[in-house]
Amino acid sequence: MRKKVEPVILDYNKLKSPQLKKICEDRGIVCNPTIKDMVQSLKLDDENKFIYHTTQEKKKQGWWLIGIDYRNRTELVRMGQLVEKKQSQLMGYYSVPRLYYRMEEEFVYLDKK
C-alpha cells in the first residue's frame, strides 16, 4: 500500500529574491521583480488563481500566434469578438494554461504590465 505524501508548502516570505525569481521563472510567472509582488504571485499560483500574461509570437509566414490564459475573461471576450468578425481563429490546440489563436495583425491586449 502506498503512503500518502503530504504536499510541500513553501514559506515564500523566508526566501530571498534570487530564489523567488527562479521559482517564478520555472512556473512561467511574469511579475514585478519585487519580493512582495513575487510572493503574492506565487501564492496566487499555488491557489490556481494567478492569471498568466498574454503571449504573442510572430510566425515566419507573417501571422501572429496569440496565447491567452483561459482564466483571463477580459482578453477571451475581446478575442471572441475578433473570432466572430473573422479577424482571428482558434487554433485548436491548447497548453496549460493558455488557449491559442491565430491573427493576421498584432493583438493589442490589456494585461500589459
Protein backbone atom coordinates (compact mmCIF):
# COMPACT_ATOMS: atom_id res chain seq x y z
CA MET A 1 0.00 0.00 0.00
CA ARG A 2 1.34 3.43 -0.96
CA LYS A 3 1.97 6.04 1.67
CA LYS A 4 0.07 9.29 1.34
CA VAL A 5 2.51 12.07 0.53
CA GLU A 6 1.73 15.46 2.01
CA PRO A 7 2.32 18.42 -0.32
CA VAL A 8 5.32 20.57 0.49
CA ILE A 9 4.25 24.09 1.39
CA LEU A 10 6.92 26.74 0.94
CA ASP A 11 7.04 29.82 3.10
CA TYR A 12 7.86 32.30 0.34
CA ASN A 13 8.40 35.10 2.88
CA LYS A 14 11.56 33.34 4.10
CA LEU A 15 13.11 33.04 0.64
CA LYS A 16 15.49 35.58 -0.86
CA SER A 17 14.95 37.45 -4.11
CA PRO A 18 17.11 35.18 -6.36
CA GLN A 19 15.27 32.09 -5.10
CA LEU A 20 11.88 33.72 -5.69
CA LYS A 21 12.93 34.82 -9.21
CA LYS A 22 14.00 31.26 -10.03
CA ILE A 23 10.68 29.80 -8.85
CA CYS A 24 8.75 32.44 -10.82
CA GLU A 25 10.79 31.69 -13.97
CA ASP A 26 10.28 27.94 -13.55
CA ARG A 27 6.50 28.44 -13.33
CA GLY A 28 6.36 30.95 -16.19
CA ILE A 29 5.16 33.76 -13.94
CA VAL A 30 5.88 37.27 -15.17
CA CYS A 31 5.61 39.92 -12.46
CA ASN A 32 7.47 42.85 -10.97
CA PRO A 33 10.81 41.73 -9.50
CA THR A 34 9.98 42.98 -6.02
CA ILE A 35 9.81 40.42 -3.24
CA LYS A 36 6.28 41.48 -2.32
CA ASP A 37 4.96 41.03 -5.88
CA MET A 38 6.76 37.73 -6.42
CA VAL A 39 5.43 36.29 -3.14
CA GLN A 40 1.90 37.45 -3.97
CA SER A 41 2.08 35.96 -7.48
CA LEU A 42 3.43 32.64 -6.21
CA LYS A 43 0.71 32.37 -3.58
CA LEU A 44 -1.96 33.09 -6.23
CA ASP A 45 -0.38 30.45 -8.46
CA ASP A 46 -0.48 27.92 -5.60
CA GLU A 47 -4.23 28.61 -5.29
CA ASN A 48 -4.65 28.33 -9.09
CA LYS A 49 -5.82 31.96 -9.24
CA PHE A 50 -2.83 33.57 -10.98
CA ILE A 51 -3.66 34.85 -14.47
CA TYR A 52 -0.73 34.41 -16.83
CA HIS A 53 0.15 37.18 -19.27
CA THR A 54 -0.98 37.03 -22.87
CA THR A 55 1.75 35.87 -25.24
CA GLN A 56 2.34 36.83 -28.86
CA GLU A 57 4.68 35.27 -31.35
CA LYS A 58 5.14 36.36 -34.95
CA LYS A 59 5.46 33.34 -37.24
CA LYS A 60 7.63 33.14 -40.37
CA GLN A 61 4.52 33.05 -42.52
CA GLY A 62 3.59 36.54 -41.28
CA TRP A 63 0.74 35.74 -38.92
CA TRP A 64 0.64 36.03 -35.12
CA LEU A 65 0.16 33.23 -32.58
CA ILE A 66 -1.64 34.62 -29.53
CA GLY A 67 -1.80 32.66 -26.24
CA ILE A 68 -4.43 33.75 -23.71
CA ASP A 69 -4.84 32.33 -20.20
CA TYR A 70 -8.21 30.59 -20.02
CA ARG A 71 -8.96 32.48 -16.77
CA ASN A 72 -8.43 35.89 -18.39
CA ARG A 73 -12.06 36.60 -19.23
CA THR A 74 -11.48 40.14 -20.50
CA GLU A 75 -8.98 39.06 -23.15
CA LEU A 76 -11.01 35.97 -24.10
CA VAL A 77 -14.13 38.09 -24.65
CA ARG A 78 -12.16 40.52 -26.83
CA MET A 79 -10.66 37.64 -28.79
CA GLY A 80 -14.09 36.04 -29.14
CA GLN A 81 -15.36 39.26 -30.71
CA LEU A 82 -12.48 39.14 -33.19
CA VAL A 83 -13.30 35.49 -33.98
CA GLU A 84 -16.92 36.49 -34.72
CA LYS A 85 -15.64 39.20 -37.09
CA LYS A 86 -13.38 36.60 -38.78
CA GLN A 87 -10.27 38.56 -37.77
CA SER A 88 -8.98 35.69 -35.65
CA GLN A 89 -9.39 31.94 -35.35
CA LEU A 90 -8.97 29.41 -32.57
CA MET A 91 -6.02 27.22 -33.46
CA GLY A 92 -7.45 24.05 -31.91
CA TYR A 93 -4.51 23.36 -29.66
CA TYR A 94 -4.06 24.22 -26.04
CA SER A 95 -1.49 24.20 -23.33
CA VAL A 96 -1.92 24.73 -19.66
CA PRO A 97 -2.93 27.49 -19.00
CA ARG A 98 -3.45 29.04 -22.47
CA LEU A 99 -5.75 28.88 -25.48
CA TYR A 100 -4.08 29.74 -28.79
CA TYR A 101 -5.45 31.90 -31.57
CA ARG A 102 -4.16 32.94 -34.99
CA MET A 103 -4.33 36.55 -36.19
CA GLU A 104 -3.00 38.37 -39.22
CA GLU A 105 -2.28 41.52 -37.16
CA GLU A 106 -0.70 42.00 -33.76
CA PHE A 107 -3.15 41.69 -30.85
CA VAL A 108 -3.25 44.74 -28.59
CA TYR A 109 -4.03 43.33 -25.18
CA LEU A 110 -4.98 44.93 -21.90
CA ASP A 111 -2.96 42.97 -19.35
CA LYS A 112 0.43 44.52 -20.25
CA LYS A 113 2.31 45.50 -17.10
